[in-house]
Amino acid sequence: MGRIKVFLVDDHPIVRDGVRSYLSHQDSIVVVGDAGDAPKALRKAKRLSPDVIVLDINLPSLDGGELAKRLRQIVPKAKLLAFSIHATEEYVVRMARCGVHGYVMKDEPTEHLLDAIKQVFKGGLHFPFDMTDAILAPGSKPSADTEGAGALTDRERQVLSLLAEGLANKEVARKLGISVRTAEAHREHLSRKLKIGTVAGLTKYAIQHGLTSLR
């Protein structure tokens, strides 16, 4: 497997330089570029097609949440990792609902940023543990046309399929290369989204919607 291509977005040159310097010394990482504002970020990200974008949420030219949404459209395969000085639930939940895959505070040890990059690159999520419930809480009731199997993300379908096959959270995590905590969060989210509280119920749902080979 090649190195993880990382793109940095931060309006403070000293932060960009510091993070770039640290990541450049990691064998598994290559920093393919950086930007100090939203227009440059959008233009460069489209051209460079990074694997992970480390995104400051307080840019002068565009709100971080709105930039995250636009990046999701321009580079849909890239994983977005919010990087911020703000540690409050309000900021974390808002960025999660704007499509980022993780959230790291700037006052954390730099190794935490590296761990988060690797985790989201593998398809996992990286959010503060004590905010998981708030992140997973539905912002509004789904409409009738978004309910059902079509409303599930690709990752949720994978988790549901493995649960239906009888795998425990730890086994699901190992299969998908994510943390047990993330697997548990996906299972809880599935239960809330589908309004099904038992594994038996989830299994029945997976069979009915063709999400498992079980019959």
N, C-alpha and C. Protein backbone atom coordinates (compact mmCIF):
# COMPACT_ATOMS: atom_id res chain seq x y z
N MET A 1 0.85 -1.20 0.00
CA MET A 1 0.00 0.00 0.00
C MET A 1 0.88 1.24 0.00
N GLY A 2 0.53 2.24 -0.85
CA GLY A 2 1.30 3.46 -0.90
C GLY A 2 1.06 4.33 0.31
N ARG A 3 1.81 5.42 0.37
CA ARG A 3 1.66 6.33 1.50
C ARG A 3 0.36 7.12 1.40
N ILE A 4 -0.15 7.54 2.55
CA ILE A 4 -1.39 8.30 2.63
C ILE A 4 -1.12 9.73 2.16
N LYS A 5 -1.85 10.17 1.15
CA LYS A 5 -1.68 11.53 0.62
C LYS A 5 -2.53 12.51 1.45
N VAL A 6 -1.84 13.43 2.12
CA VAL A 6 -2.52 14.36 3.02
C VAL A 6 -2.43 15.78 2.46
N PHE A 7 -3.53 16.50 2.58
CA PHE A 7 -3.62 17.90 2.15
C PHE A 7 -4.00 18.75 3.36
N LEU A 8 -3.29 19.83 3.61
CA LEU A 8 -3.49 20.66 4.79
C LEU A 8 -4.19 21.97 4.42
N VAL A 9 -5.19 22.35 5.22
CA VAL A 9 -5.89 23.63 5.02
C VAL A 9 -5.91 24.37 6.34
N ASP A 10 -5.17 25.48 6.40
CA ASP A 10 -5.12 26.30 7.62
C ASP A 10 -4.63 27.68 7.23
N ASP A 11 -5.25 28.72 7.79
CA ASP A 11 -4.87 30.07 7.41
C ASP A 11 -3.65 30.59 8.18
N HIS A 12 -3.11 29.78 9.09
CA HIS A 12 -1.91 30.19 9.82
C HIS A 12 -0.69 29.44 9.28
N PRO A 13 0.21 30.14 8.60
CA PRO A 13 1.39 29.49 8.01
C PRO A 13 2.21 28.70 9.02
N ILE A 14 2.31 29.21 10.24
CA ILE A 14 3.13 28.52 11.24
C ILE A 14 2.52 27.16 11.60
N VAL A 15 1.18 27.09 11.59
CA VAL A 15 0.51 25.81 11.86
C VAL A 15 0.73 24.86 10.69
N ARG A 16 0.53 25.35 9.47
CA ARG A 16 0.73 24.50 8.29
C ARG A 16 2.16 23.97 8.23
N ASP A 17 3.11 24.87 8.49
CA ASP A 17 4.52 24.47 8.42
C ASP A 17 4.85 23.44 9.50
N GLY A 18 4.31 23.66 10.70
CA GLY A 18 4.59 22.74 11.80
C GLY A 18 4.02 21.35 11.56
N VAL A 19 2.76 21.31 11.10
CA VAL A 19 2.11 20.03 10.83
C VAL A 19 2.79 19.33 9.65
N ARG A 20 3.10 20.10 8.61
CA ARG A 20 3.78 19.52 7.44
C ARG A 20 5.12 18.92 7.83
N SER A 21 5.87 19.65 8.66
CA SER A 21 7.18 19.17 9.09
C SER A 21 7.06 17.85 9.85
N TYR A 22 6.09 17.78 10.75
CA TYR A 22 5.91 16.56 11.54
C TYR A 22 5.49 15.39 10.65
N LEU A 23 4.48 15.61 9.81
CA LEU A 23 3.96 14.53 8.98
C LEU A 23 4.97 14.07 7.93
N SER A 24 5.82 14.98 7.48
CA SER A 24 6.80 14.63 6.45
C SER A 24 7.84 13.64 6.96
N HIS A 25 7.95 13.51 8.27
CA HIS A 25 8.90 12.58 8.86
C HIS A 25 8.27 11.20 9.11
N GLN A 26 7.01 11.04 8.71
CA GLN A 26 6.32 9.76 8.91
C GLN A 26 6.38 8.94 7.62
N ASP A 27 6.83 7.72 7.74
CA ASP A 27 7.00 6.87 6.55
C ASP A 27 5.69 6.60 5.82
N SER A 28 4.57 6.62 6.55
CA SER A 28 3.28 6.26 5.95
C SER A 28 2.55 7.45 5.35
N ILE A 29 3.12 8.66 5.46
CA ILE A 29 2.44 9.89 5.04
C ILE A 29 3.24 10.64 3.99
N VAL A 30 2.54 11.25 3.05
CA VAL A 30 3.15 12.23 2.15
C VAL A 30 2.22 13.43 2.08
N VAL A 31 2.72 14.60 2.39
CA VAL A 31 1.93 15.83 2.32
C VAL A 31 1.99 16.34 0.89
N VAL A 32 0.87 16.26 0.17
CA VAL A 32 0.87 16.60 -1.25
C VAL A 32 0.63 18.07 -1.52
N GLY A 33 0.23 18.83 -0.49
CA GLY A 33 -0.01 20.25 -0.69
C GLY A 33 -0.69 20.88 0.50
N ASP A 34 -0.85 22.21 0.43
CA ASP A 34 -1.56 22.92 1.49
C ASP A 34 -2.19 24.18 0.93
N ALA A 35 -3.06 24.78 1.73
CA ALA A 35 -3.74 26.02 1.32
C ALA A 35 -4.08 26.82 2.55
N GLY A 36 -4.11 28.15 2.38
CA GLY A 36 -4.39 29.03 3.49
C GLY A 36 -5.77 29.64 3.44
N ASP A 37 -6.54 29.34 2.39
CA ASP A 37 -7.90 29.86 2.31
C ASP A 37 -8.76 28.89 1.50
N ALA A 38 -10.07 29.13 1.53
CA ALA A 38 -11.02 28.21 0.90
C ALA A 38 -10.88 28.10 -0.62
N PRO A 39 -10.77 29.23 -1.35
CA PRO A 39 -10.65 29.11 -2.81
C PRO A 39 -9.45 28.27 -3.24
N LYS A 40 -8.31 28.49 -2.60
CA LYS A 40 -7.12 27.70 -2.94
C LYS A 40 -7.31 26.24 -2.54
N ALA A 41 -7.96 26.03 -1.41
CA ALA A 41 -8.20 24.66 -0.94
C ALA A 41 -9.04 23.89 -1.95
N LEU A 42 -10.10 24.51 -2.43
CA LEU A 42 -10.99 23.84 -3.39
C LEU A 42 -10.27 23.56 -4.71
N ARG A 43 -9.51 24.54 -5.16
CA ARG A 43 -8.81 24.40 -6.44
C ARG A 43 -7.72 23.33 -6.37
N LYS A 44 -6.91 23.38 -5.30
CA LYS A 44 -5.80 22.44 -5.17
C LYS A 44 -6.28 21.03 -4.86
N ALA A 45 -7.30 20.92 -4.01
CA ALA A 45 -7.80 19.59 -3.63
C ALA A 45 -8.31 18.85 -4.86
N LYS A 46 -8.99 19.55 -5.74
CA LYS A 46 -9.52 18.91 -6.94
C LYS A 46 -8.38 18.40 -7.81
N ARG A 47 -7.29 19.17 -7.90
CA ARG A 47 -6.16 18.78 -8.75
C ARG A 47 -5.33 17.68 -8.12
N LEU A 48 -5.15 17.70 -6.79
CA LEU A 48 -4.24 16.78 -6.12
C LEU A 48 -4.90 15.47 -5.69
N SER A 49 -6.22 15.47 -5.54
CA SER A 49 -6.97 14.26 -5.13
C SER A 49 -6.34 13.58 -3.91
N PRO A 50 -6.27 14.28 -2.78
CA PRO A 50 -5.66 13.68 -1.58
C PRO A 50 -6.53 12.58 -0.98
N ASP A 51 -5.91 11.75 -0.15
CA ASP A 51 -6.66 10.72 0.57
C ASP A 51 -7.33 11.31 1.81
N VAL A 52 -6.61 12.21 2.49
CA VAL A 52 -7.11 12.83 3.73
C VAL A 52 -6.86 14.33 3.68
N ILE A 53 -7.88 15.10 4.04
CA ILE A 53 -7.74 16.56 4.11
C ILE A 53 -7.86 16.98 5.57
N VAL A 54 -6.81 17.59 6.10
CA VAL A 54 -6.83 18.12 7.46
C VAL A 54 -7.30 19.56 7.37
N LEU A 55 -8.46 19.85 7.93
CA LEU A 55 -9.17 21.10 7.67
C LEU A 55 -9.38 21.95 8.92
N ASP A 56 -8.78 23.13 8.92
CA ASP A 56 -9.06 24.10 9.98
C ASP A 56 -10.49 24.59 9.78
N ILE A 57 -11.27 24.66 10.85
CA ILE A 57 -12.68 25.01 10.69
C ILE A 57 -12.94 26.51 10.80
N ASN A 58 -11.89 27.29 11.07
CA ASN A 58 -12.06 28.74 11.19
C ASN A 58 -11.22 29.46 10.14
N LEU A 59 -11.71 29.49 8.93
CA LEU A 59 -11.03 30.18 7.85
C LEU A 59 -11.71 31.53 7.60
N PRO A 60 -10.95 32.56 7.25
CA PRO A 60 -11.54 33.88 7.07
C PRO A 60 -12.46 34.00 5.87
N SER A 61 -12.22 33.19 4.84
CA SER A 61 -12.95 33.35 3.59
C SER A 61 -14.24 32.55 3.50
N LEU A 62 -14.34 31.45 4.28
CA LEU A 62 -15.51 30.60 4.21
C LEU A 62 -15.63 29.78 5.48
N ASP A 63 -16.85 29.60 5.94
CA ASP A 63 -17.11 28.79 7.13
C ASP A 63 -16.60 27.37 6.91
N GLY A 64 -16.00 26.79 7.97
CA GLY A 64 -15.43 25.45 7.86
C GLY A 64 -16.43 24.38 7.48
N GLY A 65 -17.64 24.49 8.01
CA GLY A 65 -18.67 23.52 7.69
C GLY A 65 -19.07 23.58 6.23
N GLU A 66 -19.20 24.78 5.70
CA GLU A 66 -19.57 24.94 4.30
C GLU A 66 -18.44 24.45 3.39
N LEU A 67 -17.19 24.72 3.80
CA LEU A 67 -16.06 24.24 3.01
C LEU A 67 -16.02 22.72 3.00
N ALA A 68 -16.33 22.11 4.14
CA ALA A 68 -16.36 20.65 4.21
C ALA A 68 -17.38 20.09 3.22
N LYS A 69 -18.54 20.70 3.15
CA LYS A 69 -19.59 20.25 2.23
C LYS A 69 -19.12 20.35 0.78
N ARG A 70 -18.45 21.45 0.44
CA ARG A 70 -17.98 21.64 -0.94
C ARG A 70 -16.86 20.67 -1.27
N LEU A 71 -15.99 20.40 -0.31
CA LEU A 71 -14.91 19.44 -0.54
C LEU A 71 -15.48 18.04 -0.76
N ARG A 72 -16.55 17.71 -0.04
CA ARG A 72 -17.19 16.40 -0.21
C ARG A 72 -17.70 16.24 -1.65
N GLN A 73 -18.12 17.34 -2.25
CA GLN A 73 -18.63 17.29 -3.63
C GLN A 73 -17.49 17.21 -4.64
N ILE A 74 -16.42 17.96 -4.38
CA ILE A 74 -15.31 18.04 -5.34
C ILE A 74 -14.41 16.81 -5.27
N VAL A 75 -14.11 16.35 -4.06
CA VAL A 75 -13.24 15.17 -3.87
C VAL A 75 -13.97 14.18 -2.96
N PRO A 76 -15.00 13.52 -3.46
CA PRO A 76 -15.85 12.66 -2.63
C PRO A 76 -15.12 11.48 -1.98
N LYS A 77 -14.00 11.06 -2.55
CA LYS A 77 -13.28 9.93 -1.98
C LYS A 77 -12.35 10.33 -0.84
N ALA A 78 -12.09 11.62 -0.69
CA ALA A 78 -11.19 12.09 0.37
C ALA A 78 -11.87 12.04 1.73
N LYS A 79 -11.11 11.69 2.75
CA LYS A 79 -11.59 11.73 4.13
C LYS A 79 -11.26 13.11 4.71
N LEU A 80 -12.23 13.68 5.41
CA LEU A 80 -12.05 15.02 5.98
C LEU A 80 -11.84 14.93 7.49
N LEU A 81 -10.82 15.62 7.95
CA LEU A 81 -10.48 15.61 9.37
C LEU A 81 -10.44 17.05 9.87
N ALA A 82 -11.43 17.43 10.69
CA ALA A 82 -11.47 18.79 11.24
C ALA A 82 -10.33 18.97 12.25
N PHE A 83 -9.70 20.14 12.19
CA PHE A 83 -8.54 20.44 13.05
C PHE A 83 -8.80 21.81 13.65
N SER A 84 -9.02 21.88 14.97
CA SER A 84 -9.55 23.11 15.54
C SER A 84 -9.06 23.38 16.97
N ILE A 85 -9.17 24.65 17.34
CA ILE A 85 -8.88 25.04 18.73
C ILE A 85 -10.13 24.87 19.60
N HIS A 86 -11.28 24.68 18.97
CA HIS A 86 -12.55 24.60 19.70
C HIS A 86 -12.83 23.17 20.14
N ALA A 87 -13.12 23.01 21.42
CA ALA A 87 -13.35 21.67 21.97
C ALA A 87 -14.80 21.45 22.42
N THR A 88 -15.67 22.41 22.12
CA THR A 88 -17.04 22.28 22.60
C THR A 88 -17.87 21.36 21.70
N GLU A 89 -18.89 20.77 22.29
CA GLU A 89 -19.77 19.85 21.58
C GLU A 89 -20.42 20.50 20.37
N GLU A 90 -20.76 21.76 20.49
CA GLU A 90 -21.42 22.47 19.40
C GLU A 90 -20.60 22.40 18.11
N TYR A 91 -19.31 22.67 18.20
CA TYR A 91 -18.44 22.66 17.03
C TYR A 91 -18.27 21.25 16.48
N VAL A 92 -18.04 20.30 17.37
CA VAL A 92 -17.79 18.91 16.94
C VAL A 92 -19.01 18.34 16.22
N VAL A 93 -20.18 18.51 16.82
CA VAL A 93 -21.40 17.97 16.23
C VAL A 93 -21.69 18.63 14.89
N ARG A 94 -21.52 19.94 14.83
CA ARG A 94 -21.81 20.64 13.57
C ARG A 94 -20.90 20.15 12.44
N MET A 95 -19.61 19.99 12.72
CA MET A 95 -18.69 19.53 11.68
C MET A 95 -19.00 18.09 11.28
N ALA A 96 -19.39 17.27 12.25
CA ALA A 96 -19.76 15.88 11.93
C ALA A 96 -20.94 15.87 10.97
N ARG A 97 -21.90 16.75 11.19
CA ARG A 97 -23.09 16.78 10.34
C ARG A 97 -22.82 17.47 9.00
N CYS A 98 -21.66 18.10 8.89
CA CYS A 98 -21.26 18.68 7.60
C CYS A 98 -20.41 17.71 6.80
N GLY A 99 -20.18 16.52 7.35
CA GLY A 99 -19.55 15.48 6.58
C GLY A 99 -18.13 15.10 6.91
N VAL A 100 -17.54 15.68 7.98
CA VAL A 100 -16.16 15.29 8.30
C VAL A 100 -16.16 13.91 8.95
N HIS A 101 -15.03 13.23 8.85
CA HIS A 101 -14.90 11.88 9.37
C HIS A 101 -14.20 11.84 10.73
N GLY A 102 -13.71 12.98 11.18
CA GLY A 102 -13.04 13.02 12.47
C GLY A 102 -12.80 14.44 12.92
N TYR A 103 -12.41 14.59 14.18
CA TYR A 103 -12.23 15.93 14.76
C TYR A 103 -11.08 15.85 15.76
N VAL A 104 -10.06 16.67 15.54
CA VAL A 104 -8.89 16.69 16.42
C VAL A 104 -8.65 18.11 16.90
N MET A 105 -8.40 18.27 18.20
CA MET A 105 -8.11 19.58 18.74
C MET A 105 -6.62 19.91 18.56
N LYS A 106 -6.34 21.18 18.31
CA LYS A 106 -4.96 21.61 18.04
C LYS A 106 -4.07 21.55 19.27
N ASP A 107 -4.67 21.50 20.45
CA ASP A 107 -3.84 21.43 21.65
C ASP A 107 -3.54 19.99 22.07
N GLU A 108 -3.99 19.02 21.28
CA GLU A 108 -3.66 17.63 21.56
C GLU A 108 -2.23 17.34 21.08
N PRO A 109 -1.60 16.28 21.61
CA PRO A 109 -0.28 15.88 21.11
C PRO A 109 -0.36 15.60 19.61
N THR A 110 0.68 15.94 18.88
CA THR A 110 0.67 15.78 17.43
C THR A 110 0.46 14.33 17.02
N GLU A 111 0.87 13.39 17.88
CA GLU A 111 0.68 11.97 17.55
C GLU A 111 -0.80 11.64 17.39
N HIS A 112 -1.67 12.38 18.09
CA HIS A 112 -3.11 12.12 17.98
C HIS A 112 -3.61 12.46 16.58
N LEU A 113 -3.04 13.51 15.99
CA LEU A 113 -3.41 13.87 14.62
C LEU A 113 -3.00 12.76 13.66
N LEU A 114 -1.80 12.23 13.86
CA LEU A 114 -1.32 11.13 13.02
C LEU A 114 -2.23 9.91 13.15
N ASP A 115 -2.59 9.56 14.37
CA ASP A 115 -3.49 8.42 14.60
C ASP A 115 -4.84 8.64 13.91
N ALA A 116 -5.34 9.88 14.00
CA ALA A 116 -6.64 10.20 13.40
C ALA A 116 -6.58 10.08 11.88
N ILE A 117 -5.49 10.55 11.29
CA ILE A 117 -5.32 10.46 9.83
C ILE A 117 -5.36 9.00 9.39
N LYS A 118 -4.63 8.15 10.10
CA LYS A 118 -4.59 6.74 9.75
C LYS A 118 -5.95 6.08 9.92
N GLN A 119 -6.67 6.48 10.98
CA GLN A 119 -7.96 5.86 11.28
C GLN A 119 -9.01 6.21 10.23
N VAL A 120 -9.10 7.50 9.87
CA VAL A 120 -10.12 7.87 8.88
C VAL A 120 -9.74 7.35 7.49
N PHE A 121 -8.46 7.26 7.21
CA PHE A 121 -8.02 6.72 5.92
C PHE A 121 -8.48 5.28 5.74
N LYS A 122 -8.51 4.53 6.84
CA LYS A 122 -8.94 3.13 6.80
C LYS A 122 -10.46 2.98 6.78
N GLY A 123 -11.17 4.11 6.85
CA GLY A 123 -12.62 4.04 6.81
C GLY A 123 -13.28 4.22 8.16
N GLY A 124 -12.49 4.49 9.18
CA GLY A 124 -13.05 4.68 10.51
C GLY A 124 -13.43 6.12 10.78
N LEU A 125 -13.93 6.36 11.99
CA LEU A 125 -14.26 7.70 12.44
C LEU A 125 -13.39 8.03 13.64
N HIS A 126 -13.12 9.32 13.84
CA HIS A 126 -12.28 9.72 14.97
C HIS A 126 -12.87 10.98 15.59
N PHE A 127 -13.74 10.77 16.60
CA PHE A 127 -14.35 11.88 17.30
C PHE A 127 -14.14 11.71 18.81
N PRO A 128 -14.22 12.82 19.56
CA PRO A 128 -14.11 12.70 21.02
C PRO A 128 -15.11 11.70 21.56
N PHE A 129 -14.64 10.77 22.38
CA PHE A 129 -15.48 9.66 22.85
C PHE A 129 -16.71 10.16 23.60
N ASP A 130 -16.55 11.22 24.39
CA ASP A 130 -17.67 11.68 25.21
C ASP A 130 -18.73 12.44 24.41
N MET A 131 -18.51 12.60 23.10
CA MET A 131 -19.49 13.31 22.28
C MET A 131 -20.17 12.40 21.27
N THR A 132 -19.92 11.10 21.36
CA THR A 132 -20.48 10.15 20.39
C THR A 132 -21.99 10.21 20.35
N ASP A 133 -22.64 10.21 21.50
CA ASP A 133 -24.11 10.22 21.54
C ASP A 133 -24.67 11.46 20.86
N ALA A 134 -24.04 12.61 21.12
CA ALA A 134 -24.52 13.86 20.52
C ALA A 134 -24.35 13.85 19.01
N ILE A 135 -23.25 13.26 18.54
CA ILE A 135 -22.99 13.20 17.10
C ILE A 135 -23.99 12.29 16.41
N LEU A 136 -24.31 11.17 17.05
CA LEU A 136 -25.20 10.20 16.45
C LEU A 136 -26.66 10.56 16.57
N ALA A 137 -26.99 11.49 17.47
CA ALA A 137 -28.39 11.89 17.64
C ALA A 137 -28.91 12.51 16.36
N PRO A 138 -30.07 12.08 15.88
CA PRO A 138 -30.60 12.61 14.63
C PRO A 138 -30.91 14.09 14.73
N GLY A 139 -30.53 14.84 13.71
CA GLY A 139 -30.81 16.27 13.71
C GLY A 139 -32.27 16.55 13.43
N SER A 140 -32.91 15.67 12.69
CA SER A 140 -34.33 15.81 12.40
C SER A 140 -34.87 14.45 11.99
N LYS A 141 -36.15 14.32 12.03
CA LYS A 141 -36.78 13.06 11.69
C LYS A 141 -36.67 12.83 10.19
N PRO A 142 -36.19 11.63 9.74
CA PRO A 142 -36.07 11.38 8.32
C PRO A 142 -37.43 11.39 7.62
N SER A 143 -37.42 11.89 6.39
CA SER A 143 -38.67 11.88 5.64
C SER A 143 -38.90 10.49 5.08
N ALA A 144 -40.12 10.23 4.64
CA ALA A 144 -40.49 8.89 4.20
C ALA A 144 -39.63 8.41 3.04
N ASP A 145 -39.24 9.33 2.14
CA ASP A 145 -38.50 8.90 0.96
C ASP A 145 -37.03 8.67 1.24
N THR A 146 -36.55 8.99 2.46
CA THR A 146 -35.15 8.74 2.79
C THR A 146 -35.01 7.59 3.76
N GLU A 147 -36.12 7.03 4.22
CA GLU A 147 -36.06 5.92 5.15
C GLU A 147 -35.80 4.62 4.41
N GLY A 148 -35.33 3.60 5.13
CA GLY A 148 -35.10 2.31 4.51
C GLY A 148 -33.67 2.11 4.10
N ALA A 149 -33.42 1.03 3.35
CA ALA A 149 -32.06 0.65 2.99
C ALA A 149 -31.36 1.73 2.19
N GLY A 150 -32.13 2.48 1.38
CA GLY A 150 -31.50 3.50 0.56
C GLY A 150 -30.89 4.62 1.37
N ALA A 151 -31.31 4.79 2.63
CA ALA A 151 -30.80 5.87 3.47
C ALA A 151 -29.50 5.50 4.17
N LEU A 152 -29.09 4.24 4.08
CA LEU A 152 -27.88 3.79 4.75
C LEU A 152 -26.64 4.14 3.94
N THR A 153 -25.57 4.50 4.65
CA THR A 153 -24.30 4.74 3.99
C THR A 153 -23.66 3.41 3.64
N ASP A 154 -22.63 3.45 2.80
CA ASP A 154 -21.92 2.22 2.43
C ASP A 154 -21.35 1.53 3.66
N ARG A 155 -20.80 2.31 4.59
CA ARG A 155 -20.22 1.72 5.80
C ARG A 155 -21.30 1.09 6.66
N GLU A 156 -22.45 1.74 6.78
CA GLU A 156 -23.55 1.18 7.57
C GLU A 156 -24.03 -0.13 6.97
N ARG A 157 -24.06 -0.22 5.64
CA ARG A 157 -24.46 -1.45 4.98
C ARG A 157 -23.46 -2.57 5.29
N GLN A 158 -22.17 -2.23 5.29
CA GLN A 158 -21.14 -3.22 5.61
C GLN A 158 -21.30 -3.72 7.03
N VAL A 159 -21.49 -2.79 7.96
CA VAL A 159 -21.65 -3.17 9.37
C VAL A 159 -22.90 -4.02 9.54
N LEU A 160 -23.99 -3.61 8.94
CA LEU A 160 -25.24 -4.35 9.06
C LEU A 160 -25.09 -5.77 8.51
N SER A 161 -24.42 -5.91 7.38
CA SER A 161 -24.22 -7.22 6.77
C SER A 161 -23.42 -8.13 7.70
N LEU A 162 -22.37 -7.60 8.31
CA LEU A 162 -21.53 -8.40 9.21
C LEU A 162 -22.28 -8.76 10.50
N LEU A 163 -23.07 -7.83 11.01
CA LEU A 163 -23.87 -8.13 12.20
C LEU A 163 -24.87 -9.23 11.89
N ALA A 164 -25.46 -9.17 10.70
CA ALA A 164 -26.43 -10.18 10.30
C ALA A 164 -25.80 -11.56 10.19
N GLU A 165 -24.50 -11.60 9.90
CA GLU A 165 -23.79 -12.87 9.81
C GLU A 165 -23.37 -13.40 11.17
N GLY A 166 -23.72 -12.66 12.22
CA GLY A 166 -23.45 -13.12 13.57
C GLY A 166 -22.15 -12.63 14.19
N LEU A 167 -21.49 -11.68 13.54
CA LEU A 167 -20.22 -11.20 14.09
C LEU A 167 -20.46 -10.22 15.24
N ALA A 168 -19.62 -10.32 16.26
CA ALA A 168 -19.68 -9.38 17.39
C ALA A 168 -18.99 -8.08 16.99
N ASN A 169 -19.16 -7.04 17.81
CA ASN A 169 -18.57 -5.74 17.50
C ASN A 169 -17.07 -5.82 17.28
N LYS A 170 -16.39 -6.63 18.10
CA LYS A 170 -14.93 -6.75 17.98
C LYS A 170 -14.55 -7.37 16.64
N GLU A 171 -15.33 -8.35 16.20
CA GLU A 171 -15.06 -9.02 14.92
C GLU A 171 -15.39 -8.09 13.75
N VAL A 172 -16.45 -7.31 13.88
CA VAL A 172 -16.81 -6.33 12.86
C VAL A 172 -15.68 -5.32 12.71
N ALA A 173 -15.17 -4.85 13.85
CA ALA A 173 -14.08 -3.88 13.84
C ALA A 173 -12.85 -4.43 13.13
N ARG A 174 -12.50 -5.68 13.43
CA ARG A 174 -11.32 -6.29 12.82
C ARG A 174 -11.51 -6.47 11.31
N LYS A 175 -12.69 -6.89 10.90
CA LYS A 175 -12.99 -7.10 9.49
C LYS A 175 -12.87 -5.80 8.68
N LEU A 176 -13.35 -4.70 9.27
CA LEU A 176 -13.40 -3.43 8.55
C LEU A 176 -12.20 -2.53 8.82
N GLY A 177 -11.32 -2.96 9.71
CA GLY A 177 -10.14 -2.15 10.02
C GLY A 177 -10.46 -0.87 10.77
N ILE A 178 -11.48 -0.95 11.64
CA ILE A 178 -11.87 0.21 12.44
C ILE A 178 -11.77 -0.16 13.92
N SER A 179 -11.92 0.82 14.79
CA SER A 179 -11.85 0.55 16.22
C SER A 179 -13.16 -0.08 16.69
N VAL A 180 -13.10 -0.80 17.81
CA VAL A 180 -14.30 -1.40 18.39
C VAL A 180 -15.30 -0.31 18.74
N ARG A 181 -14.79 0.80 19.24
CA ARG A 181 -15.66 1.92 19.60
C ARG A 181 -16.43 2.44 18.38
N THR A 182 -15.75 2.51 17.24
CA THR A 182 -16.40 2.97 16.02
C THR A 182 -17.45 1.97 15.56
N ALA A 183 -17.13 0.67 15.67
CA ALA A 183 -18.09 -0.37 15.29
C ALA A 183 -19.34 -0.27 16.17
N GLU A 184 -19.13 -0.05 17.46
CA GLU A 184 -20.26 0.09 18.38
C GLU A 184 -21.11 1.31 18.02
N ALA A 185 -20.42 2.41 17.64
CA ALA A 185 -21.14 3.63 17.27
C ALA A 185 -21.98 3.40 16.02
N HIS A 186 -21.42 2.67 15.04
CA HIS A 186 -22.18 2.37 13.82
C HIS A 186 -23.41 1.52 14.14
N ARG A 187 -23.24 0.54 15.03
CA ARG A 187 -24.36 -0.33 15.38
C ARG A 187 -25.46 0.48 16.07
N GLU A 188 -25.06 1.36 16.97
CA GLU A 188 -26.05 2.19 17.67
C GLU A 188 -26.77 3.11 16.68
N HIS A 189 -26.01 3.65 15.74
CA HIS A 189 -26.60 4.55 14.74
C HIS A 189 -27.60 3.79 13.87
N LEU A 190 -27.24 2.56 13.48
CA LEU A 190 -28.15 1.73 12.70
C LEU A 190 -29.46 1.48 13.45
N SER A 191 -29.33 1.16 14.73
CA SER A 191 -30.52 0.88 15.54
C SER A 191 -31.44 2.09 15.60
N ARG A 192 -30.81 3.27 15.76
CA ARG A 192 -31.61 4.50 15.84
C ARG A 192 -32.24 4.83 14.49
N LYS A 193 -31.45 4.73 13.43
CA LYS A 193 -31.94 5.10 12.10
C LYS A 193 -33.07 4.18 11.64
N LEU A 194 -32.91 2.87 11.91
CA LEU A 194 -33.90 1.90 11.46
C LEU A 194 -34.98 1.62 12.51
N LYS A 195 -34.78 2.19 13.72
CA LYS A 195 -35.72 1.96 14.83
C LYS A 195 -35.85 0.46 15.14
N ILE A 196 -34.69 -0.22 15.15
CA ILE A 196 -34.64 -1.66 15.45
C ILE A 196 -33.62 -1.86 16.56
N GLY A 197 -34.06 -2.39 17.70
CA GLY A 197 -33.19 -2.44 18.86
C GLY A 197 -32.46 -3.74 19.10
N THR A 198 -32.72 -4.77 18.30
CA THR A 198 -32.09 -6.07 18.54
C THR A 198 -31.32 -6.54 17.32
N VAL A 199 -30.33 -7.41 17.56
CA VAL A 199 -29.55 -7.98 16.46
C VAL A 199 -30.46 -8.84 15.58
N ALA A 200 -31.39 -9.56 16.21
CA ALA A 200 -32.33 -10.38 15.44
C ALA A 200 -33.14 -9.52 14.48
N GLY A 201 -33.57 -8.37 14.97
CA GLY A 201 -34.33 -7.45 14.13
C GLY A 201 -33.51 -6.89 12.99
N LEU A 202 -32.24 -6.54 13.29
CA LEU A 202 -31.34 -6.03 12.26
C LEU A 202 -31.07 -7.10 11.21
N THR A 203 -30.90 -8.35 11.66
CA THR A 203 -30.66 -9.46 10.74
C THR A 203 -31.85 -9.64 9.80
N LYS A 204 -33.06 -9.60 10.35
CA LYS A 204 -34.27 -9.74 9.55
C LYS A 204 -34.35 -8.62 8.52
N TYR A 205 -34.01 -7.42 8.95
CA TYR A 205 -34.04 -6.27 8.04
C TYR A 205 -33.03 -6.46 6.91
N ALA A 206 -31.81 -6.92 7.25
CA ALA A 206 -30.77 -7.14 6.25
C ALA A 206 -31.21 -8.17 5.22
N ILE A 207 -31.87 -9.23 5.67
CA ILE A 207 -32.35 -10.28 4.76
C ILE A 207 -33.44 -9.71 3.84
N GLN A 208 -34.36 -8.96 4.41
CA GLN A 208 -35.49 -8.41 3.63
C GLN A 208 -35.02 -7.45 2.54
N HIS A 209 -33.91 -6.76 2.80
CA HIS A 209 -33.42 -5.76 1.85
C HIS A 209 -32.22 -6.23 1.04
N GLY A 210 -31.94 -7.53 1.11
CA GLY A 210 -30.87 -8.10 0.29
C GLY A 210 -29.48 -7.62 0.65
N LEU A 211 -29.25 -7.32 1.94
CA LEU A 211 -27.96 -6.82 2.38
C LEU A 211 -27.09 -7.91 2.97
N THR A 212 -27.52 -9.14 2.87
CA THR A 212 -26.74 -10.27 3.36
C THR A 212 -27.07 -11.49 2.51
N SER A 213 -26.16 -12.44 2.49
CA SER A 213 -26.39 -13.68 1.73
C SER A 213 -27.25 -14.68 2.51
N LEU A 214 -27.53 -14.35 3.77
CA LEU A 214 -28.35 -15.24 4.59
C LEU A 214 -29.78 -15.29 4.07
N ARG A 215 -30.44 -16.40 4.31
CA ARG A 215 -31.85 -16.56 3.90
C ARG A 215 -32.66 -17.16 5.05
